[in-house]
Amino acid sequence: MPLDVARAAVAVAHANHQIAFAHPSNLEGVRIAMDAGVDVLAHAPDTVDGVNDALLAQVVAHHMSMIPTLKLFSGEDAIARVRAIVLKFHQPGGPLIFGTDTGFSTDYDLTEEYRQLLRP
């Protein structure tokens, strides 16, 4: 999503006393969400290239929260790196919110989400 569109969406949400969520898939999505003033990342990015400690520190400094939604990515090769992003976001104080993509997925069992959250 272009930054100007994301900023406009966030402005409308905030003007209506709502929080703004983003579904970033990659480095660019995280940057746009941060620069637009998004409040919550609806999941960690699953394309992890370039998502580093410095960027995650900036996201935390912008007072953003994250819903890890690790179950969504548990079958992917990059799951260990996605878990590492969640941990590196949370360690310096990035707030995590528990949630799932149960509307997207028809599997409502939370076991895998908890299992992934417990793994290093």
PDB file of N, CA and C in Angstrom:
ATOM      1  N   MET A   1       0.853  -1.173   0.000  1.00  0.00           N
ATOM      2  CA  MET A   1       0.000   0.000   0.000  1.00  0.00           C
ATOM      3  C   MET A   1       0.898   1.235   0.000  1.00  0.00           C
ATOM      4  N   PRO A   2       0.602   2.182  -0.835  1.00  0.00           N
ATOM      5  CA  PRO A   2       1.394   3.409  -0.838  1.00  0.00           C
ATOM      6  C   PRO A   2       1.289   4.137   0.508  1.00  0.00           C
ATOM      7  N   LEU A   3       2.369   4.792   0.894  1.00  0.00           N
ATOM      8  CA  LEU A   3       2.422   5.464   2.182  1.00  0.00           C
ATOM      9  C   LEU A   3       1.311   6.501   2.345  1.00  0.00           C
ATOM     10  N   ASP A   4       1.016   7.283   1.310  1.00  0.00           N
ATOM     11  CA  ASP A   4      -0.023   8.306   1.459  1.00  0.00           C
ATOM     12  C   ASP A   4      -1.402   7.686   1.722  1.00  0.00           C
ATOM     13  N   VAL A   5      -1.670   6.550   1.109  1.00  0.00           N
ATOM     14  CA  VAL A   5      -2.940   5.853   1.345  1.00  0.00           C
ATOM     15  C   VAL A   5      -2.973   5.312   2.770  1.00  0.00           C
ATOM     16  N   ALA A   6      -1.862   4.731   3.219  1.00  0.00           N
ATOM     17  CA  ALA A   6      -1.791   4.202   4.581  1.00  0.00           C
ATOM     18  C   ALA A   6      -1.958   5.324   5.606  1.00  0.00           C
ATOM     19  N   ARG A   7      -1.308   6.459   5.366  1.00  0.00           N
ATOM     20  CA  ARG A   7      -1.459   7.596   6.288  1.00  0.00           C
ATOM     21  C   ARG A   7      -2.902   8.079   6.340  1.00  0.00           C
ATOM     22  N   ALA A   8      -3.561   8.123   5.198  1.00  0.00           N
ATOM     23  CA  ALA A   8      -4.962   8.559   5.163  1.00  0.00           C
ATOM     24  C   ALA A   8      -5.846   7.577   5.928  1.00  0.00           C
ATOM     25  N   ALA A   9      -5.615   6.296   5.762  1.00  0.00           N
ATOM     26  CA  ALA A   9      -6.401   5.286   6.477  1.00  0.00           C
ATOM     27  C   ALA A   9      -6.207   5.404   7.985  1.00  0.00           C
ATOM     28  N   VAL A  10      -4.969   5.591   8.412  1.00  0.00           N
ATOM     29  CA  VAL A  10      -4.675   5.749   9.839  1.00  0.00           C
ATOM     30  C   VAL A  10      -5.327   7.028  10.365  1.00  0.00           C
ATOM     31  N   ALA A  11      -5.268   8.104   9.603  1.00  0.00           N
ATOM     32  CA  ALA A  11      -5.880   9.370  10.031  1.00  0.00           C
ATOM     33  C   ALA A  11      -7.384   9.214  10.235  1.00  0.00           C
ATOM     34  N   VAL A  12      -8.038   8.508   9.337  1.00  0.00           N
ATOM     35  CA  VAL A  12      -9.485   8.279   9.477  1.00  0.00           C
ATOM     36  C   VAL A  12      -9.760   7.422  10.709  1.00  0.00           C
ATOM     37  N   ALA A  13      -8.995   6.370  10.897  1.00  0.00           N
ATOM     38  CA  ALA A  13      -9.180   5.510  12.077  1.00  0.00           C
ATOM     39  C   ALA A  13      -9.010   6.320  13.355  1.00  0.00           C
ATOM     40  N   HIS A  14      -7.927   7.069  13.436  1.00  0.00           N
ATOM     41  CA  HIS A  14      -7.660   7.839  14.650  1.00  0.00           C
ATOM     42  C   HIS A  14      -8.678   8.949  14.863  1.00  0.00           C
ATOM     43  N   ALA A  15      -9.153   9.570  13.805  1.00  0.00           N
ATOM     44  CA  ALA A  15     -10.172  10.616  13.926  1.00  0.00           C
ATOM     45  C   ALA A  15     -11.476  10.054  14.482  1.00  0.00           C
ATOM     46  N   ASN A  16     -11.672   8.755  14.293  1.00  0.00           N
ATOM     47  CA  ASN A  16     -12.868   8.082  14.793  1.00  0.00           C
ATOM     48  C   ASN A  16     -12.588   7.273  16.062  1.00  0.00           C
ATOM     49  N   HIS A  17     -11.475   7.600  16.730  1.00  0.00           N
ATOM     50  CA  HIS A  17     -11.089   6.981  17.998  1.00  0.00           C
ATOM     51  C   HIS A  17     -10.942   5.462  17.880  1.00  0.00           C
ATOM     52  N   GLN A  18     -10.411   5.028  16.735  1.00  0.00           N
ATOM     53  CA  GLN A  18     -10.166   3.613  16.478  1.00  0.00           C
ATOM     54  C   GLN A  18      -8.667   3.394  16.344  1.00  0.00           C
ATOM     55  N   ILE A  19      -8.252   2.158  16.564  1.00  0.00           N
ATOM     56  CA  ILE A  19      -6.848   1.834  16.338  1.00  0.00           C
ATOM     57  C   ILE A  19      -6.698   1.317  14.911  1.00  0.00           C
ATOM     58  N   ALA A  20      -5.528   1.510  14.365  1.00  0.00           N
ATOM     59  CA  ALA A  20      -5.243   1.098  12.994  1.00  0.00           C
ATOM     60  C   ALA A  20      -4.345  -0.134  13.000  1.00  0.00           C
ATOM     61  N   PHE A  21      -4.747  -1.134  12.234  1.00  0.00           N
ATOM     62  CA  PHE A  21      -4.001  -2.378  12.090  1.00  0.00           C
ATOM     63  C   PHE A  21      -3.394  -2.430  10.692  1.00  0.00           C
ATOM     64  N   ALA A  22      -2.260  -3.119  10.573  1.00  0.00           N
ATOM     65  CA  ALA A  22      -1.659  -3.386   9.270  1.00  0.00           C
ATOM     66  C   ALA A  22      -1.271  -4.851   9.213  1.00  0.00           C
ATOM     67  N   HIS A  23      -1.275  -5.410   8.012  1.00  0.00           N
ATOM     68  CA  HIS A  23      -0.882  -6.801   7.778  1.00  0.00           C
ATOM     69  C   HIS A  23       0.394  -6.800   6.941  1.00  0.00           C
ATOM     70  N   PRO A  24       1.548  -6.486   7.548  1.00  0.00           N
ATOM     71  CA  PRO A  24       2.776  -6.410   6.754  1.00  0.00           C
ATOM     72  C   PRO A  24       3.279  -7.801   6.389  1.00  0.00           C
ATOM     73  N   SER A  25       3.735  -7.941   5.177  1.00  0.00           N
ATOM     74  CA  SER A  25       4.296  -9.217   4.733  1.00  0.00           C
ATOM     75  C   SER A  25       5.811  -9.176   4.642  1.00  0.00           C
ATOM     76  N   ASN A  26       6.366  -7.946   4.612  1.00  0.00           N
ATOM     77  CA  ASN A  26       7.799  -7.831   4.368  1.00  0.00           C
ATOM     78  C   ASN A  26       8.330  -6.522   4.972  1.00  0.00           C
ATOM     79  N   LEU A  27       9.604  -6.274   4.734  1.00  0.00           N
ATOM     80  CA  LEU A  27      10.280  -5.086   5.236  1.00  0.00           C
ATOM     81  C   LEU A  27       9.557  -3.807   4.821  1.00  0.00           C
ATOM     82  N   GLU A  28       9.206  -3.691   3.559  1.00  0.00           N
ATOM     83  CA  GLU A  28       8.534  -2.486   3.083  1.00  0.00           C
ATOM     84  C   GLU A  28       7.187  -2.290   3.790  1.00  0.00           C
ATOM     85  N   GLY A  29       6.450  -3.365   3.987  1.00  0.00           N
ATOM     86  CA  GLY A  29       5.169  -3.268   4.666  1.00  0.00           C
ATOM     87  C   GLY A  29       5.307  -2.791   6.103  1.00  0.00           C
ATOM     88  N   VAL A  30       6.334  -3.277   6.797  1.00  0.00           N
ATOM     89  CA  VAL A  30       6.580  -2.840   8.175  1.00  0.00           C
ATOM     90  C   VAL A  30       6.947  -1.360   8.192  1.00  0.00           C
ATOM     91  N   ARG A  31       7.811  -0.943   7.286  1.00  0.00           N
ATOM     92  CA  ARG A  31       8.216   0.469   7.233  1.00  0.00           C
ATOM     93  C   ARG A  31       7.025   1.389   6.932  1.00  0.00           C
ATOM     94  N   ILE A  32       6.206   1.003   5.982  1.00  0.00           N
ATOM     95  CA  ILE A  32       5.041   1.818   5.642  1.00  0.00           C
ATOM     96  C   ILE A  32       4.096   1.890   6.834  1.00  0.00           C
ATOM     97  N   ALA A  33       3.853   0.763   7.479  1.00  0.00           N
ATOM     98  CA  ALA A  33       2.974   0.756   8.652  1.00  0.00           C
ATOM     99  C   ALA A  33       3.512   1.691   9.726  1.00  0.00           C
ATOM    100  N   MET A  34       4.804   1.621   9.981  1.00  0.00           N
ATOM    101  CA  MET A  34       5.422   2.465  11.002  1.00  0.00           C
ATOM    102  C   MET A  34       5.329   3.941  10.612  1.00  0.00           C
ATOM    103  N   ASP A  35       5.686   4.253   9.384  1.00  0.00           N
ATOM    104  CA  ASP A  35       5.677   5.640   8.928  1.00  0.00           C
ATOM    105  C   ASP A  35       4.266   6.221   8.846  1.00  0.00           C
ATOM    106  N   ALA A  36       3.274   5.355   8.663  1.00  0.00           N
ATOM    107  CA  ALA A  36       1.889   5.809   8.582  1.00  0.00           C
ATOM    108  C   ALA A  36       1.263   6.007   9.956  1.00  0.00           C
ATOM    109  N   GLY A  37       1.914   5.496  11.000  1.00  0.00           N
ATOM    110  CA  GLY A  37       1.370   5.641  12.348  1.00  0.00           C
ATOM    111  C   GLY A  37       0.431   4.532  12.768  1.00  0.00           C
ATOM    112  N   VAL A  38       0.539   3.377  12.126  1.00  0.00           N
ATOM    113  CA  VAL A  38      -0.271   2.212  12.486  1.00  0.00           C
ATOM    114  C   VAL A  38      -0.018   1.855  13.949  1.00  0.00           C
ATOM    115  N   ASP A  39      -1.048   1.382  14.611  1.00  0.00           N
ATOM    116  CA  ASP A  39      -0.954   1.028  16.031  1.00  0.00           C
ATOM    117  C   ASP A  39      -0.559  -0.426  16.260  1.00  0.00           C
ATOM    118  N   VAL A  40      -1.050  -1.340  15.413  1.00  0.00           N
ATOM    119  CA  VAL A  40      -0.857  -2.770  15.633  1.00  0.00           C
ATOM    120  C   VAL A  40      -0.476  -3.461  14.329  1.00  0.00           C
ATOM    121  N   LEU A  41       0.596  -4.249  14.397  1.00  0.00           N
ATOM    122  CA  LEU A  41       0.936  -5.135  13.290  1.00  0.00           C
ATOM    123  C   LEU A  41       0.135  -6.415  13.513  1.00  0.00           C
ATOM    124  N   ALA A  42      -0.741  -6.756  12.589  1.00  0.00           N
ATOM    125  CA  ALA A  42      -1.650  -7.884  12.764  1.00  0.00           C
ATOM    126  C   ALA A  42      -0.937  -9.230  12.702  1.00  0.00           C
ATOM    127  N   HIS A  43       0.289  -9.238  12.276  1.00  0.00           N
ATOM    128  CA  HIS A  43       1.149 -10.417  12.342  1.00  0.00           C
ATOM    129  C   HIS A  43       2.573  -9.982  12.055  1.00  0.00           C
ATOM    130  N   ALA A  44       3.501 -10.842  12.400  1.00  0.00           N
ATOM    131  CA  ALA A  44       4.901 -10.584  12.060  1.00  0.00           C
ATOM    132  C   ALA A  44       5.060 -10.742  10.551  1.00  0.00           C
ATOM    133  N   PRO A  45       6.034 -10.049   9.956  1.00  0.00           N
ATOM    134  CA  PRO A  45       6.249 -10.254   8.522  1.00  0.00           C
ATOM    135  C   PRO A  45       6.768 -11.660   8.253  1.00  0.00           C
ATOM    136  N   ASP A  46       6.249 -12.308   7.225  1.00  0.00           N
ATOM    137  CA  ASP A  46       6.694 -13.659   6.905  1.00  0.00           C
ATOM    138  C   ASP A  46       7.819 -13.670   5.878  1.00  0.00           C
ATOM    139  N   THR A  47       8.019 -12.579   5.168  1.00  0.00           N
ATOM    140  CA  THR A  47       9.203 -12.412   4.331  1.00  0.00           C
ATOM    141  C   THR A  47      10.160 -11.590   5.180  1.00  0.00           C
ATOM    142  N   VAL A  48      11.165 -12.251   5.722  1.00  0.00           N
ATOM    143  CA  VAL A  48      11.957 -11.672   6.808  1.00  0.00           C
ATOM    144  C   VAL A  48      13.211 -10.932   6.349  1.00  0.00           C
ATOM    145  N   ASP A  49      13.556 -11.006   5.082  1.00  0.00           N
ATOM    146  CA  ASP A  49      14.769 -10.357   4.592  1.00  0.00           C
ATOM    147  C   ASP A  49      14.748  -8.863   4.897  1.00  0.00           C
ATOM    148  N   GLY A  50      15.801  -8.390   5.559  1.00  0.00           N
ATOM    149  CA  GLY A  50      15.945  -6.976   5.873  1.00  0.00           C
ATOM    150  C   GLY A  50      15.287  -6.538   7.166  1.00  0.00           C
ATOM    151  N   VAL A  51      14.451  -7.377   7.747  1.00  0.00           N
ATOM    152  CA  VAL A  51      13.817  -7.026   9.025  1.00  0.00           C
ATOM    153  C   VAL A  51      14.853  -7.326  10.111  1.00  0.00           C
ATOM    154  N   ASN A  52      15.492  -6.254  10.604  1.00  0.00           N
ATOM    155  CA  ASN A  52      16.607  -6.439  11.532  1.00  0.00           C
ATOM    156  C   ASN A  52      16.330  -5.770  12.883  1.00  0.00           C
ATOM    157  N   ASP A  53      17.287  -5.892  13.786  1.00  0.00           N
ATOM    158  CA  ASP A  53      17.131  -5.357  15.141  1.00  0.00           C
ATOM    159  C   ASP A  53      16.879  -3.854  15.139  1.00  0.00           C
ATOM    160  N   ALA A  54      17.563  -3.127  14.274  1.00  0.00           N
ATOM    161  CA  ALA A  54      17.397  -1.667  14.234  1.00  0.00           C
ATOM    162  C   ALA A  54      15.972  -1.289  13.836  1.00  0.00           C
ATOM    163  N   LEU A  55      15.430  -1.967  12.835  1.00  0.00           N
ATOM    164  CA  LEU A  55      14.054  -1.685  12.422  1.00  0.00           C
ATOM    165  C   LEU A  55      13.076  -2.028  13.542  1.00  0.00           C
ATOM    166  N   LEU A  56      13.269  -3.170  14.173  1.00  0.00           N
ATOM    167  CA  LEU A  56      12.363  -3.570  15.255  1.00  0.00           C
ATOM    168  C   LEU A  56      12.437  -2.587  16.424  1.00  0.00           C
ATOM    169  N   ALA A  57      13.621  -2.053  16.695  1.00  0.00           N
ATOM    170  CA  ALA A  57      13.746  -1.037  17.751  1.00  0.00           C
ATOM    171  C   ALA A  57      12.958   0.220  17.366  1.00  0.00           C
ATOM    172  N   GLN A  58      12.976   0.579  16.093  1.00  0.00           N
ATOM    173  CA  GLN A  58      12.195   1.733  15.639  1.00  0.00           C
ATOM    174  C   GLN A  58      10.699   1.473  15.798  1.00  0.00           C
ATOM    175  N   VAL A  59      10.261   0.281  15.476  1.00  0.00           N
ATOM    176  CA  VAL A  59       8.848  -0.076  15.610  1.00  0.00           C
ATOM    177  C   VAL A  59       8.427   0.028  17.074  1.00  0.00           C
ATOM    178  N   VAL A  60       9.252  -0.484  17.966  1.00  0.00           N
ATOM    179  CA  VAL A  60       8.963  -0.391  19.401  1.00  0.00           C
ATOM    180  C   VAL A  60       8.928   1.075  19.830  1.00  0.00           C
ATOM    181  N   ALA A  61       9.869   1.879  19.341  1.00  0.00           N
ATOM    182  CA  ALA A  61       9.915   3.308  19.692  1.00  0.00           C
ATOM    183  C   ALA A  61       8.677   4.051  19.197  1.00  0.00           C
ATOM    184  N   HIS A  62       8.026   3.539  18.161  1.00  0.00           N
ATOM    185  CA  HIS A  62       6.793   4.139  17.643  1.00  0.00           C
ATOM    186  C   HIS A  62       5.558   3.649  18.407  1.00  0.00           C
ATOM    187  N   HIS A  63       5.786   2.900  19.472  1.00  0.00           N
ATOM    188  CA  HIS A  63       4.707   2.418  20.356  1.00  0.00           C
ATOM    189  C   HIS A  63       3.701   1.539  19.626  1.00  0.00           C
ATOM    190  N   MET A  64       4.206   0.718  18.726  1.00  0.00           N
ATOM    191  CA  MET A  64       3.350  -0.218  18.017  1.00  0.00           C
ATOM    192  C   MET A  64       3.275  -1.534  18.788  1.00  0.00           C
ATOM    193  N   SER A  65       2.188  -2.251  18.628  1.00  0.00           N
ATOM    194  CA  SER A  65       2.009  -3.582  19.195  1.00  0.00           C
ATOM    195  C   SER A  65       2.027  -4.586  18.051  1.00  0.00           C
ATOM    196  N   MET A  66       2.162  -5.875  18.412  1.00  0.00           N
ATOM    197  CA  MET A  66       2.186  -6.918  17.396  1.00  0.00           C
ATOM    198  C   MET A  66       1.355  -8.116  17.852  1.00  0.00           C
ATOM    199  N   ILE A  67       0.588  -8.653  16.927  1.00  0.00           N
ATOM    200  CA  ILE A  67      -0.072  -9.942  17.117  1.00  0.00           C
ATOM    201  C   ILE A  67       0.789 -10.946  16.355  1.00  0.00           C
ATOM    202  N   PRO A  68       1.511 -11.832  17.038  1.00  0.00           N
ATOM    203  CA  PRO A  68       2.456 -12.699  16.322  1.00  0.00           C
ATOM    204  C   PRO A  68       1.819 -13.571  15.233  1.00  0.00           C
ATOM    205  N   THR A  69       0.682 -14.173  15.516  1.00  0.00           N
ATOM    206  CA  THR A  69      -0.019 -15.053  14.565  1.00  0.00           C
ATOM    207  C   THR A  69       0.947 -16.083  13.972  1.00  0.00           C
ATOM    208  N   LEU A  70       1.737 -16.698  14.840  1.00  0.00           N
ATOM    209  CA  LEU A  70       2.762 -17.634  14.392  1.00  0.00           C
ATOM    210  C   LEU A  70       2.194 -18.892  13.755  1.00  0.00           C
ATOM    211  N   LYS A  71       1.029 -19.319  14.203  1.00  0.00           N
ATOM    212  CA  LYS A  71       0.423 -20.518  13.618  1.00  0.00           C
ATOM    213  C   LYS A  71       0.261 -20.360  12.111  1.00  0.00           C
ATOM    214  N   LEU A  72      -0.047 -19.162  11.680  1.00  0.00           N
ATOM    215  CA  LEU A  72      -0.243 -18.883  10.266  1.00  0.00           C
ATOM    216  C   LEU A  72       0.992 -19.257   9.448  1.00  0.00           C
ATOM    217  N   PHE A  73       2.178 -19.118  10.042  1.00  0.00           N
ATOM    218  CA  PHE A  73       3.436 -19.347   9.334  1.00  0.00           C
ATOM    219  C   PHE A  73       4.141 -20.630   9.767  1.00  0.00           C
ATOM    220  N   SER A  74       3.530 -21.422  10.652  1.00  0.00           N
ATOM    221  CA  SER A  74       4.233 -22.556  11.252  1.00  0.00           C
ATOM    222  C   SER A  74       4.668 -23.615  10.244  1.00  0.00           C
ATOM    223  N   GLY A  75       4.036 -23.687   9.090  1.00  0.00           N
ATOM    224  CA  GLY A  75       4.433 -24.657   8.083  1.00  0.00           C
ATOM    225  C   GLY A  75       5.459 -24.133   7.092  1.00  0.00           C
ATOM    226  N   GLU A  76       5.882 -22.891   7.256  1.00  0.00           N
ATOM    227  CA  GLU A  76       6.824 -22.288   6.312  1.00  0.00           C
ATOM    228  C   GLU A  76       8.275 -22.492   6.747  1.00  0.00           C
ATOM    229  N   ASP A  77       9.174 -22.461   5.791  1.00  0.00           N
ATOM    230  CA  ASP A  77      10.600 -22.638   6.072  1.00  0.00           C
ATOM    231  C   ASP A  77      11.157 -21.540   6.975  1.00  0.00           C
ATOM    232  N   ALA A  78      10.600 -20.349   6.907  1.00  0.00           N
ATOM    233  CA  ALA A  78      11.133 -19.201   7.648  1.00  0.00           C
ATOM    234  C   ALA A  78      10.564 -19.075   9.064  1.00  0.00           C
ATOM    235  N   ILE A  79       9.839 -20.077   9.569  1.00  0.00           N
ATOM    236  CA  ILE A  79       9.165 -19.924  10.866  1.00  0.00           C
ATOM    237  C   ILE A  79      10.145 -19.592  11.994  1.00  0.00           C
ATOM    238  N   ALA A  80      11.324 -20.165  11.998  1.00  0.00           N
ATOM    239  CA  ALA A  80      12.297 -19.849  13.059  1.00  0.00           C
ATOM    240  C   ALA A  80      12.689 -18.379  13.005  1.00  0.00           C
ATOM    241  N   ARG A  81      12.851 -17.845  11.815  1.00  0.00           N
ATOM    242  CA  ARG A  81      13.209 -16.422  11.679  1.00  0.00           C
ATOM    243  C   ARG A  81      12.028 -15.525  12.029  1.00  0.00           C
ATOM    244  N   VAL A  82      10.810 -15.955  11.733  1.00  0.00           N
ATOM    245  CA  VAL A  82       9.628 -15.179  12.114  1.00  0.00           C
ATOM    246  C   VAL A  82       9.522 -15.150  13.642  1.00  0.00           C
ATOM    247  N   ARG A  83       9.732 -16.298  14.288  1.00  0.00           N
ATOM    248  CA  ARG A  83       9.732 -16.342  15.766  1.00  0.00           C
ATOM    249  C   ARG A  83      10.804 -15.423  16.333  1.00  0.00           C
ATOM    250  N   ALA A  84      11.969 -15.390  15.699  1.00  0.00           N
ATOM    251  CA  ALA A  84      13.058 -14.520  16.165  1.00  0.00           C
ATOM    252  C   ALA A  84      12.660 -13.053  16.064  1.00  0.00           C
ATOM    253  N   ILE A  85      11.944 -12.682  15.019  1.00  0.00           N
ATOM    254  CA  ILE A  85      11.471 -11.300  14.879  1.00  0.00           C
ATOM    255  C   ILE A  85      10.518 -10.961  16.017  1.00  0.00           C
ATOM    256  N   VAL A  86       9.609 -11.866  16.314  1.00  0.00           N
ATOM    257  CA  VAL A  86       8.656 -11.632  17.403  1.00  0.00           C
ATOM    258  C   VAL A  86       9.405 -11.457  18.721  1.00  0.00           C
ATOM    259  N   LEU A  87      10.375 -12.319  18.993  1.00  0.00           N
ATOM    260  CA  LEU A  87      11.147 -12.226  20.228  1.00  0.00           C
ATOM    261  C   LEU A  87      11.945 -10.923  20.280  1.00  0.00           C
ATOM    262  N   LYS A  88      12.595 -10.560  19.185  1.00  0.00           N
ATOM    263  CA  LYS A  88      13.394  -9.330  19.161  1.00  0.00           C
ATOM    264  C   LYS A  88      12.524  -8.083  19.263  1.00  0.00           C
ATOM    265  N   PHE A  89      11.286  -8.171  18.835  1.00  0.00           N
ATOM    266  CA  PHE A  89      10.334  -7.075  19.015  1.00  0.00           C
ATOM    267  C   PHE A  89       9.915  -6.983  20.480  1.00  0.00           C
ATOM    268  N   HIS A  90       9.677  -8.116  21.085  1.00  0.00           N
ATOM    269  CA  HIS A  90       9.143  -8.152  22.450  1.00  0.00           C
ATOM    270  C   HIS A  90      10.197  -7.856  23.520  1.00  0.00           C
ATOM    271  N   GLN A  91      11.420  -8.312  23.338  1.00  0.00           N
ATOM    272  CA  GLN A  91      12.470  -8.159  24.359  1.00  0.00           C
ATOM    273  C   GLN A  91      12.680  -6.720  24.826  1.00  0.00           C
ATOM    274  N   PRO A  92      12.724  -5.722  23.949  1.00  0.00           N
ATOM    275  CA  PRO A  92      12.924  -4.349  24.432  1.00  0.00           C
ATOM    276  C   PRO A  92      11.620  -3.657  24.859  1.00  0.00           C
ATOM    277  N   GLY A  93      10.535  -4.427  24.958  1.00  0.00           N
ATOM    278  CA  GLY A  93       9.286  -3.834  25.435  1.00  0.00           C
ATOM    279  C   GLY A  93       8.176  -3.735  24.427  1.00  0.00           C
ATOM    280  N   GLY A  94       8.347  -4.303  23.245  1.00  0.00           N
ATOM    281  CA  GLY A  94       7.279  -4.295  22.244  1.00  0.00           C
ATOM    282  C   GLY A  94       6.124  -5.154  22.733  1.00  0.00           C
ATOM    283  N   PRO A  95       4.937  -4.568  22.883  1.00  0.00           N
ATOM    284  CA  PRO A  95       3.807  -5.332  23.408  1.00  0.00           C
ATOM    285  C   PRO A  95       3.257  -6.344  22.406  1.00  0.00           C
ATOM    286  N   LEU A  96       3.033  -7.553  22.894  1.00  0.00           N
ATOM    287  CA  LEU A  96       2.416  -8.587  22.083  1.00  0.00           C
ATOM    288  C   LEU A  96       0.954  -8.718  22.486  1.00  0.00           C
ATOM    289  N   ILE A  97       0.106  -8.931  21.501  1.00  0.00           N
ATOM    290  CA  ILE A  97      -1.318  -9.142  21.710  1.00  0.00           C
ATOM    291  C   ILE A  97      -1.636 -10.531  21.166  1.00  0.00           C
ATOM    292  N   PHE A  98      -2.350 -11.328  21.946  1.00  0.00           N
ATOM    293  CA  PHE A  98      -2.689 -12.661  21.457  1.00  0.00           C
ATOM    294  C   PHE A  98      -3.855 -12.571  20.496  1.00  0.00           C
ATOM    295  N   GLY A  99      -3.727 -13.247  19.368  1.00  0.00           N
ATOM    296  CA  GLY A  99      -4.793 -13.291  18.392  1.00  0.00           C
ATOM    297  C   GLY A  99      -4.453 -14.301  17.318  1.00  0.00           C
ATOM    298  N   THR A 100      -5.409 -14.599  16.493  1.00  0.00           N
ATOM    299  CA  THR A 100      -5.212 -15.559  15.412  1.00  0.00           C
ATOM    300  C   THR A 100      -5.871 -15.019  14.152  1.00  0.00           C
ATOM    301  N   ASP A 101      -5.650 -15.693  13.078  1.00  0.00           N
ATOM    302  CA  ASP A 101      -6.343 -15.394  11.827  1.00  0.00           C
ATOM    303  C   ASP A 101      -7.454 -16.417  11.622  1.00  0.00           C
ATOM    304  N   THR A 102      -8.227 -16.663  12.678  1.00  0.00           N
ATOM    305  CA  THR A 102      -9.255 -17.694  12.575  1.00  0.00           C
ATOM    306  C   THR A 102     -10.322 -17.354  11.550  1.00  0.00           C
ATOM    307  N   GLY A 103     -10.506 -16.105  11.233  1.00  0.00           N
ATOM    308  CA  GLY A 103     -11.419 -15.762  10.161  1.00  0.00           C
ATOM    309  C   GLY A 103     -10.851 -16.128   8.804  1.00  0.00           C
ATOM    310  N   PHE A 104      -9.527 -16.131   8.711  1.00  0.00           N
ATOM    311  CA  PHE A 104      -8.833 -16.487   7.471  1.00  0.00           C
ATOM    312  C   PHE A 104      -8.665 -17.999   7.389  1.00  0.00           C
ATOM    313  N   SER A 105      -8.319 -18.594   8.518  1.00  0.00           N
ATOM    314  CA  SER A 105      -8.104 -20.029   8.607  1.00  0.00           C
ATOM    315  C   SER A 105      -9.339 -20.690   9.208  1.00  0.00           C
ATOM    316  N   THR A 106      -9.624 -21.900   8.780  1.00  0.00           N
ATOM    317  CA  THR A 106     -10.771 -22.622   9.336  1.00  0.00           C
ATOM    318  C   THR A 106     -10.356 -23.553  10.470  1.00  0.00           C
ATOM    319  N   ASP A 107      -9.082 -23.568  10.816  1.00  0.00           N
ATOM    320  CA  ASP A 107      -8.582 -24.394  11.914  1.00  0.00           C
ATOM    321  C   ASP A 107      -8.544 -23.538  13.170  1.00  0.00           C
ATOM    322  N   TYR A 108      -9.435 -23.802  14.104  1.00  0.00           N
ATOM    323  CA  TYR A 108      -9.573 -22.961  15.290  1.00  0.00           C
ATOM    324  C   TYR A 108      -8.794 -23.473  16.500  1.00  0.00           C
ATOM    325  N   ASP A 109      -8.033 -24.533  16.349  1.00  0.00           N
ATOM    326  CA  ASP A 109      -7.243 -25.086  17.444  1.00  0.00           C
ATOM    327  C   ASP A 109      -6.055 -24.150  17.718  1.00  0.00           C
ATOM    328  N   LEU A 110      -5.904 -23.704  18.949  1.00  0.00           N
ATOM    329  CA  LEU A 110      -4.854 -22.748  19.317  1.00  0.00           C
ATOM    330  C   LEU A 110      -3.543 -23.409  19.734  1.00  0.00           C
ATOM    331  N   THR A 111      -3.506 -24.727  19.768  1.00  0.00           N
ATOM    332  CA  THR A 111      -2.326 -25.449  20.248  1.00  0.00           C
ATOM    333  C   THR A 111      -1.055 -25.030  19.518  1.00  0.00           C
ATOM    334  N   GLU A 112      -1.111 -24.931  18.198  1.00  0.00           N
ATOM    335  CA  GLU A 112       0.097 -24.595  17.432  1.00  0.00           C
ATOM    336  C   GLU A 112       0.565 -23.171  17.726  1.00  0.00           C
ATOM    337  N   GLU A 113      -0.357 -22.247  17.926  1.00  0.00           N
ATOM    338  CA  GLU A 113       0.040 -20.873  18.260  1.00  0.00           C
ATOM    339  C   GLU A 113       0.810 -20.852  19.582  1.00  0.00           C
ATOM    340  N   TYR A 114       0.268 -21.549  20.589  1.00  0.00           N
ATOM    341  CA  TYR A 114       0.953 -21.619  21.891  1.00  0.00           C
ATOM    342  C   TYR A 114       2.298 -22.332  21.750  1.00  0.00           C
ATOM    343  N   ARG A 115       2.335 -23.411  20.987  1.00  0.00           N
ATOM    344  CA  ARG A 115       3.589 -24.158  20.808  1.00  0.00           C
ATOM    345  C   ARG A 115       4.650 -23.270  20.172  1.00  0.00           C
ATOM    346  N   GLN A 116       4.277 -22.526  19.144  1.00  0.00           N
ATOM    347  CA  GLN A 116       5.231 -21.630  18.495  1.00  0.00           C
ATOM    348  C   GLN A 116       5.677 -20.505  19.429  1.00  0.00           C
ATOM    349  N   LEU A 117       4.775 -19.974  20.233  1.00  0.00           N
ATOM    350  CA  LEU A 117       5.137 -18.906  21.158  1.00  0.00           C
ATOM    351  C   LEU A 117       6.137 -19.380  22.217  1.00  0.00           C
ATOM    352  N   LEU A 118       6.092 -20.644  22.564  1.00  0.00           N
ATOM    353  CA  LEU A 118       6.996 -21.190  23.573  1.00  0.00           C
ATOM    354  C   LEU A 118       8.375 -21.547  23.034  1.00  0.00           C
ATOM    355  N   ARG A 119       8.487 -21.699  21.727  1.00  0.00           N
ATOM    356  CA  ARG A 119       9.761 -22.095  21.129  1.00  0.00           C
ATOM    357  C   ARG A 119      10.722 -20.907  21.064  1.00  0.00           C
ATOM    358  N   PRO A 120      12.021 -21.205  21.172  1.00  0.00           N
ATOM    359  CA  PRO A 120      13.014 -20.120  21.057  1.00  0.00           C
ATOM    360  C   PRO A 120      13.177 -19.621  19.636  1.00  0.00           C
TER     361      PRO A 120
END
